[in-house]
Amino acid sequence: MNPRIVALGTAVPETSYTQEELVRLFGAGNPKINRLFLGSHIRKRHLTLPPPGPLGMPEETVEELLDRHRTGILREGGRAVARALELGGLQPETIDYLVCVTSTGYLCPGATALLIAQHGFREDIHRVDVVGMGCNAALNALQPLVQFLRSRPGALGLLVCIETCSAAYVHNDRIGTAVVNSLFGDAAAAALLAGPAAPVPHLDANLPVLEDFESQIILEALHTMRFDLERGKLSFHLDRDIPYFLGAHCQKPLNRLLERQGLKKRQIDHWLIHSGGRKVIDSIKMNLDLSDHDVRHTLHVLEEYGNISSCSVLFSMQELAREGTIRPGDRGILMAMGPGAAIELALLRW
């Protein structure tokens, strides 16, 4: 039997900005940058930003950005963890395995140690920090957690994604920088997982069992999504051809996964796809022959939060659970895309 997700907790910074407000802070006066911000399908984003100066956003030090990353782990990450535990009716000391995901900064000790100290998890808890894998990392991190719970059916695990993307912003007049600053938001999401024999006081029947995984790395697109260093700061780069590469390759892992499970695409009832940006979503839709209805949660997360990196697929899953359309026996595909370039899939069942 396979582990299942029993509760989801999410959190975002209290401060949010419309795209109109953000374009005034990051690029007012440049028509190309204005079009990037206002033509992105994004309505608003939650961000942790310093007070603007007379010329817009101030230049921040590496230390200030790392401090924001640490704050996001403890504040948004801490709230997401607390919410998932509350919904599952569990205490921190019951958790056997903690996996934390982030790509918005590097700390040592990392997010697992910070959250263990904050919440009082057991000192013998198993833990893994997944750092720098980008927007697909939630699915990469789920795989060792699921394997652990298959081997220990009575155990409980927690996946926590914390992406303070504003801690990786730089400010200049380049279009490539503006693409990043127009797209990403801050968020955290925590998924509480239970082995098939684990006692869970509260179990959300609208959350799925994790049945299988599949991966696709696109080596010819290895450098299309990457962090560069700009004056000692992380600066994220997105190539304009990313939607093409992802769309051209997304059928391959899907076909392998469905064939291995003896399924046809028409048997998939729900599609939870990373909110990577409108062009990426359109490319995936076209190549998999999906409708706007199929990706309604993906589009809504993009509209309300922007690209929140590894958190986005868990936000979409939460929206689907709240929608109340799940039926027993439904199947779903969880799909995320990120640096590598990589496409990661999980097969879901309710």
Protein backbone atom coordinates (compact mmCIF):
# COMPACT_ATOMS: atom_id res chain seq x y z
CA MET A 1 0.00 0.00 0.00
CA ASN A 2 1.05 3.59 -0.61
CA PRO A 3 1.36 6.63 1.67
CA ARG A 4 -1.16 9.42 1.43
CA ILE A 5 -1.29 13.13 2.06
CA VAL A 6 -3.56 13.73 5.03
CA ALA A 7 -3.28 17.51 5.53
CA LEU A 8 -1.95 20.60 3.75
CA GLY A 9 -0.93 23.87 5.36
CA THR A 10 0.02 26.99 3.40
CA ALA A 11 1.23 30.47 4.29
CA VAL A 12 2.19 33.69 2.51
CA PRO A 13 3.56 37.03 3.76
CA GLU A 14 0.91 39.45 4.97
CA THR A 15 2.06 42.10 2.49
CA SER A 16 0.77 41.75 -1.06
CA TYR A 17 1.21 43.92 -4.14
CA THR A 18 -0.70 44.20 -7.38
CA GLN A 19 1.31 43.99 -10.57
CA GLU A 20 0.53 47.66 -11.16
CA GLU A 21 2.10 48.54 -7.80
CA LEU A 22 5.13 46.37 -8.48
CA VAL A 23 5.84 47.76 -11.92
CA ARG A 24 6.06 51.22 -10.37
CA LEU A 25 8.61 49.90 -7.88
CA PHE A 26 10.70 47.83 -10.28
CA GLY A 27 10.51 49.38 -13.71
CA ALA A 28 8.39 52.48 -14.14
CA GLY A 29 9.24 54.36 -17.30
CA ASN A 30 10.47 51.39 -19.35
CA PRO A 31 7.67 50.29 -21.71
CA LYS A 32 9.11 46.79 -22.22
CA ILE A 33 9.29 46.16 -18.48
CA ASN A 34 5.78 47.56 -18.02
CA ARG A 35 4.45 45.10 -20.59
CA LEU A 36 6.21 42.20 -18.85
CA PHE A 37 4.57 42.97 -15.51
CA LEU A 38 1.12 43.78 -16.83
CA GLY A 39 0.83 41.00 -19.43
CA SER A 40 1.72 38.07 -17.18
CA HIS A 41 -1.75 36.79 -16.12
CA ILE A 42 -0.71 37.63 -12.55
CA ARG A 43 -3.01 39.88 -10.54
CA LYS A 44 -1.02 40.13 -7.31
CA ARG A 45 1.82 38.56 -5.36
CA HIS A 46 2.75 38.24 -1.69
CA LEU A 47 6.28 39.54 -1.15
CA THR A 48 8.58 40.68 1.64
CA LEU A 49 10.13 43.88 0.34
CA PRO A 50 12.01 46.77 1.96
CA PRO A 51 10.48 50.25 1.95
CA PRO A 52 11.00 51.85 -1.47
CA GLY A 53 13.34 54.82 -1.87
CA PRO A 54 12.81 57.89 -4.05
CA LEU A 55 14.10 55.96 -7.09
CA GLY A 56 12.19 52.73 -6.43
CA MET A 57 13.53 49.58 -4.80
CA PRO A 58 16.82 50.02 -2.91
CA GLU A 59 19.84 47.83 -3.55
CA GLU A 60 20.14 45.29 -0.69
CA THR A 61 23.19 43.55 0.70
CA VAL A 62 23.77 39.80 0.56
CA GLU A 63 23.34 39.72 4.34
CA GLU A 64 19.95 41.44 4.13
CA LEU A 65 18.73 39.00 1.50
CA LEU A 66 19.90 35.96 3.48
CA ASP A 67 18.19 37.34 6.57
CA ARG A 68 14.95 37.57 4.58
CA HIS A 69 15.39 33.96 3.47
CA ARG A 70 15.86 32.88 7.10
CA THR A 71 12.84 34.93 8.16
CA GLY A 72 10.72 33.24 5.50
CA ILE A 73 11.70 29.78 6.75
CA LEU A 74 10.69 30.58 10.31
CA ARG A 75 7.68 32.80 9.61
CA GLU A 76 5.89 31.43 6.54
CA GLY A 77 7.45 27.97 6.87
CA GLY A 78 6.60 27.86 10.56
CA ARG A 79 2.99 28.86 9.94
CA ALA A 80 2.55 26.27 7.19
CA VAL A 81 3.92 23.53 9.45
CA ALA A 82 1.68 24.55 12.35
CA ARG A 83 -1.38 24.57 10.08
CA ALA A 84 -0.69 21.13 8.60
CA LEU A 85 -0.19 19.62 12.06
CA GLU A 86 -3.35 21.30 13.34
CA LEU A 87 -5.44 19.99 10.44
CA GLY A 88 -4.05 16.48 10.94
CA GLY A 89 -4.66 16.60 14.69
CA LEU A 90 -1.02 15.76 15.37
CA GLN A 91 1.82 17.08 17.53
CA PRO A 92 5.38 17.73 16.28
CA GLU A 93 6.81 14.86 18.31
CA THR A 94 4.77 12.34 16.28
CA ILE A 95 6.59 13.18 13.03
CA ASP A 96 9.27 10.69 12.00
CA TYR A 97 10.69 12.28 8.83
CA LEU A 98 11.07 15.95 7.89
CA VAL A 99 12.01 17.09 4.37
CA CYS A 100 12.51 20.81 3.64
CA VAL A 101 12.74 22.33 0.17
CA THR A 102 14.03 25.76 -0.81
CA SER A 103 15.91 27.48 -3.62
CA THR A 104 15.94 31.07 -2.36
CA GLY A 105 19.07 31.03 -0.21
CA TYR A 106 21.71 28.87 1.40
CA LEU A 107 21.96 28.41 5.16
CA CYS A 108 23.98 25.99 7.26
CA PRO A 109 22.37 24.70 9.43
CA GLY A 110 19.44 24.64 7.07
CA ALA A 111 15.66 24.79 7.19
CA THR A 112 15.15 21.38 8.83
CA ALA A 113 17.28 22.34 11.84
CA LEU A 114 15.57 25.74 12.16
CA LEU A 115 12.08 24.22 12.07
CA ILE A 116 13.02 21.39 14.47
CA ALA A 117 14.15 24.00 17.00
CA GLN A 118 11.10 26.18 16.38
CA HIS A 119 8.44 23.47 16.69
CA GLY A 120 9.97 20.94 19.04
CA PHE A 121 10.25 17.98 16.68
CA ARG A 122 12.00 14.94 18.18
CA GLU A 123 15.79 15.05 18.30
CA ASP A 124 15.96 11.66 16.54
CA ILE A 125 13.80 12.74 13.59
CA HIS A 126 15.03 11.76 10.13
CA ARG A 127 15.60 14.84 7.98
CA VAL A 128 16.69 15.97 4.54
CA ASP A 129 17.28 19.47 3.14
CA VAL A 130 16.68 19.75 -0.61
CA VAL A 131 18.36 23.00 -1.71
CA GLY A 132 18.60 24.52 -5.17
CA MET A 133 16.45 22.13 -7.23
CA GLY A 134 13.97 24.87 -8.09
CA CYS A 135 10.29 24.74 -9.00
CA ASN A 136 10.11 20.95 -9.44
CA ALA A 137 11.71 20.18 -6.07
CA ALA A 138 8.52 19.29 -4.18
CA LEU A 139 8.18 16.17 -6.31
CA ASN A 140 11.86 15.29 -5.97
CA ALA A 141 11.54 15.65 -2.19
CA LEU A 142 8.36 13.56 -2.01
CA GLN A 143 10.14 10.52 -3.44
CA PRO A 144 12.49 9.68 -0.50
CA LEU A 145 9.69 10.54 1.92
CA VAL A 146 7.29 8.15 0.19
CA GLN A 147 9.94 5.40 0.11
CA PHE A 148 10.53 5.85 3.85
CA LEU A 149 6.81 5.57 4.58
CA ARG A 150 6.48 2.47 2.41
CA SER A 151 9.24 0.83 4.44
CA ARG A 152 7.72 2.03 7.75
CA PRO A 153 3.94 1.89 7.23
CA GLY A 154 3.15 3.22 10.70
CA ALA A 155 5.29 6.35 10.34
CA LEU A 156 4.45 9.99 9.62
CA GLY A 157 6.33 12.47 7.46
CA LEU A 158 6.25 16.15 6.66
CA LEU A 159 7.27 17.91 3.45
CA VAL A 160 7.83 21.66 3.81
CA CYS A 161 8.50 23.94 0.82
CA ILE A 162 9.65 27.47 1.70
CA GLU A 163 10.33 29.82 -1.19
CA THR A 164 11.08 33.44 -0.28
CA CYS A 165 11.70 34.42 -3.88
CA SER A 166 12.08 38.11 -2.96
CA ALA A 167 15.30 37.07 -1.17
CA ALA A 168 16.77 36.30 -4.60
CA TYR A 169 15.76 39.53 -6.36
CA VAL A 170 18.29 41.90 -7.86
CA HIS A 171 17.49 45.33 -9.27
CA ASN A 172 18.75 46.63 -12.62
CA ASP A 173 17.40 47.72 -16.00
CA ARG A 174 17.91 44.42 -17.82
CA ILE A 175 14.92 42.66 -19.34
CA GLY A 176 16.09 39.29 -18.02
CA THR A 177 16.03 40.62 -14.47
CA ALA A 178 12.60 42.15 -15.06
CA VAL A 179 11.23 38.76 -16.22
CA VAL A 180 12.16 37.25 -12.84
CA ASN A 181 10.98 40.23 -10.80
CA SER A 182 7.64 40.23 -12.64
CA LEU A 183 6.91 36.57 -12.00
CA PHE A 184 7.93 35.10 -8.63
CA GLY A 185 6.22 35.37 -5.24
CA ASP A 186 6.89 34.31 -1.64
CA ALA A 187 5.10 31.35 -0.04
CA ALA A 188 5.40 28.19 2.03
CA ALA A 189 3.48 24.93 1.92
CA ALA A 190 3.57 21.89 4.20
CA ALA A 191 2.19 18.45 3.31
CA LEU A 192 1.61 15.94 6.11
CA LEU A 193 2.03 12.36 4.89
CA ALA A 194 1.03 9.13 6.61
CA GLY A 195 2.15 5.59 5.98
CA PRO A 196 -0.67 3.15 5.20
CA ALA A 197 -0.81 1.93 8.82
CA ALA A 198 -0.20 5.26 10.59
CA PRO A 199 -2.89 6.46 13.02
CA VAL A 200 -4.12 9.93 12.01
CA PRO A 201 -6.85 11.67 14.07
CA HIS A 202 -8.04 13.85 11.17
CA LEU A 203 -7.77 12.75 7.56
CA ASP A 204 -8.92 14.89 4.61
CA ALA A 205 -10.53 12.50 2.11
CA ASN A 206 -10.05 15.13 -0.62
CA LEU A 207 -6.27 14.63 -0.48
CA PRO A 208 -4.61 11.84 -2.47
CA VAL A 209 -2.55 8.69 -2.16
CA LEU A 210 0.85 8.93 -3.91
CA GLU A 211 1.15 5.94 -6.22
CA ASP A 212 4.13 6.47 -8.52
CA PHE A 213 6.68 8.97 -9.87
CA GLU A 214 8.39 9.69 -13.18
CA SER A 215 11.17 12.09 -14.23
CA GLN A 216 12.47 13.66 -17.43
CA ILE A 217 15.65 15.71 -17.65
CA ILE A 218 16.23 17.74 -20.81
CA LEU A 219 20.00 18.02 -21.11
CA GLU A 220 19.93 20.28 -24.16
CA ALA A 221 18.13 22.81 -21.93
CA LEU A 222 20.55 22.38 -19.02
CA HIS A 223 21.29 26.09 -18.60
CA THR A 224 17.91 27.58 -19.50
CA MET A 225 16.96 27.98 -15.82
CA ARG A 226 19.80 28.81 -13.48
CA PHE A 227 21.19 31.02 -10.76
CA ASP A 228 24.06 33.31 -11.70
CA LEU A 229 26.08 35.43 -9.30
CA GLU A 230 25.81 39.18 -9.72
CA ARG A 231 28.12 41.13 -7.42
CA GLY A 232 27.97 38.26 -4.95
CA LYS A 233 24.16 37.91 -5.10
CA LEU A 234 22.03 35.14 -6.54
CA SER A 235 20.41 36.27 -9.78
CA PHE A 236 17.95 33.90 -11.43
CA HIS A 237 18.01 33.52 -15.22
CA LEU A 238 15.09 32.29 -17.34
CA ASP A 239 15.66 31.58 -21.03
CA ARG A 240 12.95 32.64 -23.48
CA ASP A 241 12.86 29.12 -24.99
CA ILE A 242 11.84 27.38 -21.74
CA PRO A 243 8.16 26.99 -22.75
CA TYR A 244 9.22 25.31 -26.01
CA PHE A 245 11.56 22.81 -24.31
CA LEU A 246 9.06 21.88 -21.60
CA GLY A 247 6.16 21.53 -23.99
CA ALA A 248 8.17 19.45 -26.47
CA HIS A 249 9.19 16.93 -23.78
CA CYS A 250 6.24 16.73 -21.38
CA GLN A 251 4.54 13.80 -23.14
CA LYS A 252 7.55 11.52 -22.67
CA PRO A 253 7.44 11.08 -18.87
CA LEU A 254 3.63 11.09 -18.88
CA ASN A 255 3.48 8.27 -21.42
CA ARG A 256 6.03 6.21 -19.47
CA LEU A 257 4.13 6.70 -16.21
CA LEU A 258 0.73 5.85 -17.65
CA GLU A 259 2.06 2.83 -19.55
CA ARG A 260 3.73 1.44 -16.45
CA GLN A 261 0.46 1.74 -14.54
CA GLY A 262 -1.71 0.38 -17.37
CA LEU A 263 -3.61 3.66 -17.71
CA LYS A 264 -4.79 5.87 -20.56
CA LYS A 265 -4.68 9.68 -20.48
CA ARG A 266 -8.50 9.81 -20.57
CA GLN A 267 -8.52 8.06 -17.18
CA ILE A 268 -6.82 11.06 -15.53
CA ASP A 269 -9.48 13.16 -13.81
CA HIS A 270 -7.36 15.95 -12.31
CA TRP A 271 -4.29 17.86 -13.50
CA LEU A 272 -2.22 19.80 -10.95
CA ILE A 273 0.53 21.56 -12.89
CA HIS A 274 3.17 24.00 -11.72
CA SER A 275 2.18 27.65 -12.18
CA GLY A 276 5.38 28.47 -14.01
CA GLY A 277 4.03 31.33 -16.09
CA ARG A 278 1.35 31.75 -18.75
CA LYS A 279 3.58 30.75 -21.69
CA VAL A 280 4.75 27.60 -19.89
CA ILE A 281 1.19 26.64 -18.97
CA ASP A 282 -0.02 27.26 -22.54
CA SER A 283 2.79 25.09 -23.93
CA ILE A 284 1.96 22.21 -21.58
CA LYS A 285 -1.76 22.57 -22.36
CA MET A 286 -1.18 22.46 -26.10
CA ASN A 287 1.17 19.47 -26.02
CA LEU A 288 -1.01 17.43 -23.64
CA ASP A 289 -4.30 18.59 -25.19
CA LEU A 290 -5.62 20.02 -21.91
CA SER A 291 -8.35 22.63 -21.46
CA ASP A 292 -8.43 25.77 -19.33
CA HIS A 293 -10.76 23.82 -17.03
CA ASP A 294 -8.13 21.10 -16.60
CA VAL A 295 -5.59 23.70 -15.44
CA ARG A 296 -8.00 26.03 -13.60
CA HIS A 297 -6.18 25.63 -10.27
CA THR A 298 -2.80 26.17 -11.92
CA LEU A 299 -4.04 29.39 -13.53
CA HIS A 300 -5.71 30.63 -10.34
CA VAL A 301 -2.56 30.10 -8.25
CA LEU A 302 -0.55 32.01 -10.85
CA GLU A 303 -3.11 34.84 -10.84
CA GLU A 304 -3.27 35.19 -7.05
CA TYR A 305 0.32 34.38 -6.00
CA GLY A 306 2.57 34.42 -9.06
CA ASN A 307 5.12 31.67 -9.57
CA ILE A 308 5.77 30.41 -6.02
CA SER A 309 8.31 27.84 -7.15
CA SER A 310 8.12 24.44 -5.41
CA CYS A 311 5.07 25.51 -3.36
CA SER A 312 2.79 25.99 -6.35
CA VAL A 313 1.67 22.40 -6.94
CA LEU A 314 0.72 22.05 -3.26
CA PHE A 315 -1.29 25.29 -3.46
CA SER A 316 -3.12 23.85 -6.49
CA MET A 317 -3.76 20.60 -4.64
CA GLN A 318 -5.23 22.57 -1.74
CA GLU A 319 -7.56 24.42 -4.13
CA LEU A 320 -8.73 21.15 -5.68
CA ALA A 321 -9.39 19.67 -2.22
CA ARG A 322 -11.46 22.70 -1.22
CA GLU A 323 -13.44 22.59 -4.46
CA GLY A 324 -15.29 19.48 -3.36
CA THR A 325 -15.35 17.74 -6.76
CA ILE A 326 -13.24 14.71 -5.80
CA ARG A 327 -14.83 11.27 -6.14
CA PRO A 328 -13.46 8.01 -4.68
CA GLY A 329 -11.31 6.31 -7.30
CA ASP A 330 -10.35 9.50 -9.13
CA ARG A 331 -6.83 9.73 -10.47
CA GLY A 332 -4.64 12.75 -10.95
CA ILE A 333 -1.30 13.93 -12.28
CA LEU A 334 0.96 16.23 -10.28
CA MET A 335 3.46 17.90 -12.63
CA ALA A 336 6.24 20.37 -11.91
CA MET A 337 8.98 21.76 -14.12
CA GLY A 338 12.26 23.39 -13.16
CA PRO A 339 16.04 23.66 -13.61
CA GLY A 340 17.80 20.84 -15.33
CA ALA A 341 15.65 21.44 -17.32
CA ALA A 342 13.45 18.84 -15.67
CA ILE A 343 9.86 17.63 -15.64
CA GLU A 344 8.71 15.69 -12.58
CA LEU A 345 5.42 13.77 -12.28
CA ALA A 346 3.50 11.97 -9.57
CA LEU A 347 0.46 9.76 -10.06
CA LEU A 348 -2.30 10.45 -7.53
CA ARG A 349 -5.32 8.41 -6.49
CA TRP A 350 -8.24 9.27 -4.21
